[in-house]
Amino acid sequence: MVKQYPHYLYVVETTATERNAKGNYIPSTETERFVSNCREETNGKGRQIERGGEFIVYSSLIQLPLNSETIKEGSVVKIYDVNDDIPILRIKGKVLKFDKGQLHNRLWI
């Protein structure tokens, strides 16, 4: 059976570097927050998207269900595949563009 959205989209959230009471820096931490199931499609033909009057070659187009949350441009995302209950990282990148459509949402990294 073919799944429409076989992959998993996570947004990488990073905390700011802070100082403790002694003045020592506490390094930032990185966490991954699950957003939605998705389908990652590699840009094998070198297609481009337009953003702010500039054309950019993107790495992957990510298809998302219509009810998925909006993801801000510049956010770092990770796309995982799961094989035998083992998550496998497919791609990591910054969101170049997000489009909320009528039937589904799309984002480009």
C-alpha atoms as a PDB file:
ATOM      1  CA  MET A   1       0.000   0.000   0.000  1.00  0.00           C
ATOM      2  CA  VAL A   2       1.314   3.448  -0.943  1.00  0.00           C
ATOM      3  CA  LYS A   3       1.276   6.150   1.753  1.00  0.00           C
ATOM      4  CA  GLN A   4       0.606   9.719   0.675  1.00  0.00           C
ATOM      5  CA  TYR A   5       2.859  11.116   3.434  1.00  0.00           C
ATOM      6  CA  PRO A   6       5.457   8.444   4.339  1.00  0.00           C
ATOM      7  CA  HIS A   7       8.046  10.764   5.957  1.00  0.00           C
ATOM      8  CA  TYR A   8       8.212  12.801   9.167  1.00  0.00           C
ATOM      9  CA  LEU A   9       8.900  16.541   9.418  1.00  0.00           C
ATOM     10  CA  TYR A  10      10.580  18.008  12.504  1.00  0.00           C
ATOM     11  CA  VAL A  11      11.441  21.648  13.207  1.00  0.00           C
ATOM     12  CA  VAL A  12      14.771  22.208  14.940  1.00  0.00           C
ATOM     13  CA  GLU A  13      14.369  24.694  17.793  1.00  0.00           C
ATOM     14  CA  THR A  14      17.469  26.239  19.356  1.00  0.00           C
ATOM     15  CA  THR A  15      17.593  28.036  22.703  1.00  0.00           C
ATOM     16  CA  ALA A  16      19.666  31.189  23.095  1.00  0.00           C
ATOM     17  CA  THR A  17      23.051  31.120  24.809  1.00  0.00           C
ATOM     18  CA  GLU A  18      22.693  32.538  28.329  1.00  0.00           C
ATOM     19  CA  ARG A  19      24.828  33.420  31.323  1.00  0.00           C
ATOM     20  CA  ASN A  20      24.309  31.879  34.745  1.00  0.00           C
ATOM     21  CA  ALA A  21      24.586  33.747  38.085  1.00  0.00           C
ATOM     22  CA  LYS A  22      28.393  33.314  38.064  1.00  0.00           C
ATOM     23  CA  GLY A  23      28.691  34.866  34.613  1.00  0.00           C
ATOM     24  CA  ASN A  24      29.514  31.593  32.857  1.00  0.00           C
ATOM     25  CA  TYR A  25      27.929  30.959  29.509  1.00  0.00           C
ATOM     26  CA  ILE A  26      25.339  28.196  29.211  1.00  0.00           C
ATOM     27  CA  PRO A  27      25.504  26.843  25.670  1.00  0.00           C
ATOM     28  CA  SER A  28      22.420  26.761  23.488  1.00  0.00           C
ATOM     29  CA  THR A  29      20.520  23.524  23.148  1.00  0.00           C
ATOM     30  CA  GLU A  30      18.878  22.061  20.080  1.00  0.00           C
ATOM     31  CA  THR A  31      15.607  20.136  20.206  1.00  0.00           C
ATOM     32  CA  GLU A  32      13.477  18.636  17.467  1.00  0.00           C
ATOM     33  CA  ARG A  33       9.704  19.125  17.497  1.00  0.00           C
ATOM     34  CA  PHE A  34       7.476  16.891  15.378  1.00  0.00           C
ATOM     35  CA  VAL A  35       5.279  18.939  13.028  1.00  0.00           C
ATOM     36  CA  SER A  36       3.628  16.590  10.558  1.00  0.00           C
ATOM     37  CA  ASN A  37       3.850  13.613   8.287  1.00  0.00           C
ATOM     38  CA  CYS A  38       5.104  14.653   4.860  1.00  0.00           C
ATOM     39  CA  ARG A  39       6.511  13.519   1.520  1.00  0.00           C
ATOM     40  CA  GLU A  40      10.011  14.656   0.568  1.00  0.00           C
ATOM     41  CA  GLU A  41      10.795  14.920  -3.146  1.00  0.00           C
ATOM     42  CA  THR A  42      14.409  15.527  -4.156  1.00  0.00           C
ATOM     43  CA  ASN A  43      14.991  18.220  -6.786  1.00  0.00           C
ATOM     44  CA  GLY A  44      16.885  16.070  -9.289  1.00  0.00           C
ATOM     45  CA  LYS A  45      16.303  18.411 -12.235  1.00  0.00           C
ATOM     46  CA  GLY A  46      17.678  21.606 -10.669  1.00  0.00           C
ATOM     47  CA  ARG A  47      14.362  23.429 -10.662  1.00  0.00           C
ATOM     48  CA  GLN A  48      14.184  26.893  -9.119  1.00  0.00           C
ATOM     49  CA  ILE A  49      11.762  28.869  -6.977  1.00  0.00           C
ATOM     50  CA  GLU A  50      11.325  32.640  -6.870  1.00  0.00           C
ATOM     51  CA  ARG A  51      11.733  34.393  -3.535  1.00  0.00           C
ATOM     52  CA  GLY A  52      11.900  38.159  -3.219  1.00  0.00           C
ATOM     53  CA  GLY A  53      12.732  38.694  -6.891  1.00  0.00           C
ATOM     54  CA  GLU A  54      15.560  36.162  -6.764  1.00  0.00           C
ATOM     55  CA  PHE A  55      15.620  32.660  -8.255  1.00  0.00           C
ATOM     56  CA  ILE A  56      17.005  29.906  -6.019  1.00  0.00           C
ATOM     57  CA  VAL A  57      17.747  26.258  -6.792  1.00  0.00           C
ATOM     58  CA  TYR A  58      16.225  24.230  -3.972  1.00  0.00           C
ATOM     59  CA  SER A  59      17.274  20.803  -2.657  1.00  0.00           C
ATOM     60  CA  SER A  60      13.873  19.280  -1.889  1.00  0.00           C
ATOM     61  CA  LEU A  61      10.175  19.990  -2.121  1.00  0.00           C
ATOM     62  CA  ILE A  62       8.227  18.844   0.930  1.00  0.00           C
ATOM     63  CA  GLN A  63       4.507  18.087   0.498  1.00  0.00           C
ATOM     64  CA  LEU A  64       2.403  18.445   3.675  1.00  0.00           C
ATOM     65  CA  PRO A  65      -1.245  17.849   4.600  1.00  0.00           C
ATOM     66  CA  LEU A  66      -3.487  20.912   4.432  1.00  0.00           C
ATOM     67  CA  ASN A  67      -3.957  21.019   8.220  1.00  0.00           C
ATOM     68  CA  SER A  68      -0.211  21.239   8.975  1.00  0.00           C
ATOM     69  CA  GLU A  69       1.099  24.348  10.713  1.00  0.00           C
ATOM     70  CA  THR A  70       2.819  27.170   8.848  1.00  0.00           C
ATOM     71  CA  ILE A  71       6.603  26.987   9.094  1.00  0.00           C
ATOM     72  CA  LYS A  72       8.551  30.245   8.928  1.00  0.00           C
ATOM     73  CA  GLU A  73      11.151  30.857   6.237  1.00  0.00           C
ATOM     74  CA  GLY A  74      14.628  30.415   7.694  1.00  0.00           C
ATOM     75  CA  SER A  75      13.545  27.688  10.124  1.00  0.00           C
ATOM     76  CA  VAL A  76      15.745  24.595  10.174  1.00  0.00           C
ATOM     77  CA  VAL A  77      13.865  21.362   9.487  1.00  0.00           C
ATOM     78  CA  LYS A  78      14.746  17.686   9.379  1.00  0.00           C
ATOM     79  CA  ILE A  79      12.934  15.046   7.348  1.00  0.00           C
ATOM     80  CA  TYR A  80      13.065  11.459   8.584  1.00  0.00           C
ATOM     81  CA  ASP A  81      12.139   8.128   7.082  1.00  0.00           C
ATOM     82  CA  VAL A  82      11.488   5.141   9.342  1.00  0.00           C
ATOM     83  CA  ASN A  83      12.770   1.708   8.402  1.00  0.00           C
ATOM     84  CA  ASP A  84      12.151  -1.187  10.842  1.00  0.00           C
ATOM     85  CA  ASP A  85      11.343   1.368  13.590  1.00  0.00           C
ATOM     86  CA  ILE A  86      14.729   3.054  13.087  1.00  0.00           C
ATOM     87  CA  PRO A  87      14.558   6.756  12.117  1.00  0.00           C
ATOM     88  CA  ILE A  88      16.794   7.616   9.174  1.00  0.00           C
ATOM     89  CA  LEU A  89      17.591  11.250   8.381  1.00  0.00           C
ATOM     90  CA  ARG A  90      16.730  11.973   4.729  1.00  0.00           C
ATOM     91  CA  ILE A  91      17.606  15.677   4.640  1.00  0.00           C
ATOM     92  CA  LYS A  92      18.214  18.688   6.878  1.00  0.00           C
ATOM     93  CA  GLY A  93      17.948  22.271   5.672  1.00  0.00           C
ATOM     94  CA  LYS A  94      16.574  25.787   6.020  1.00  0.00           C
ATOM     95  CA  VAL A  95      13.095  26.576   4.793  1.00  0.00           C
ATOM     96  CA  LEU A  96      13.386  28.736   1.681  1.00  0.00           C
ATOM     97  CA  LYS A  97       9.659  29.146   1.072  1.00  0.00           C
ATOM     98  CA  PHE A  98       6.343  27.916   2.499  1.00  0.00           C
ATOM     99  CA  ASP A  99       3.086  27.815   0.526  1.00  0.00           C
ATOM    100  CA  LYS A 100      -0.338  27.160   2.049  1.00  0.00           C
ATOM    101  CA  GLY A 101      -2.425  25.710  -0.788  1.00  0.00           C
ATOM    102  CA  GLN A 102      -6.035  24.666  -1.302  1.00  0.00           C
ATOM    103  CA  LEU A 103      -5.409  20.917  -1.244  1.00  0.00           C
ATOM    104  CA  HIS A 104      -2.044  20.637   0.507  1.00  0.00           C
ATOM    105  CA  ASN A 105       0.865  22.721   1.824  1.00  0.00           C
ATOM    106  CA  ARG A 106       4.374  22.823   0.384  1.00  0.00           C
ATOM    107  CA  LEU A 107       7.744  23.952   1.589  1.00  0.00           C
ATOM    108  CA  TRP A 108      11.094  24.116  -0.113  1.00  0.00           C
ATOM    109  CA  ILE A 109      14.519  23.553   1.455  1.00  0.00           C
END
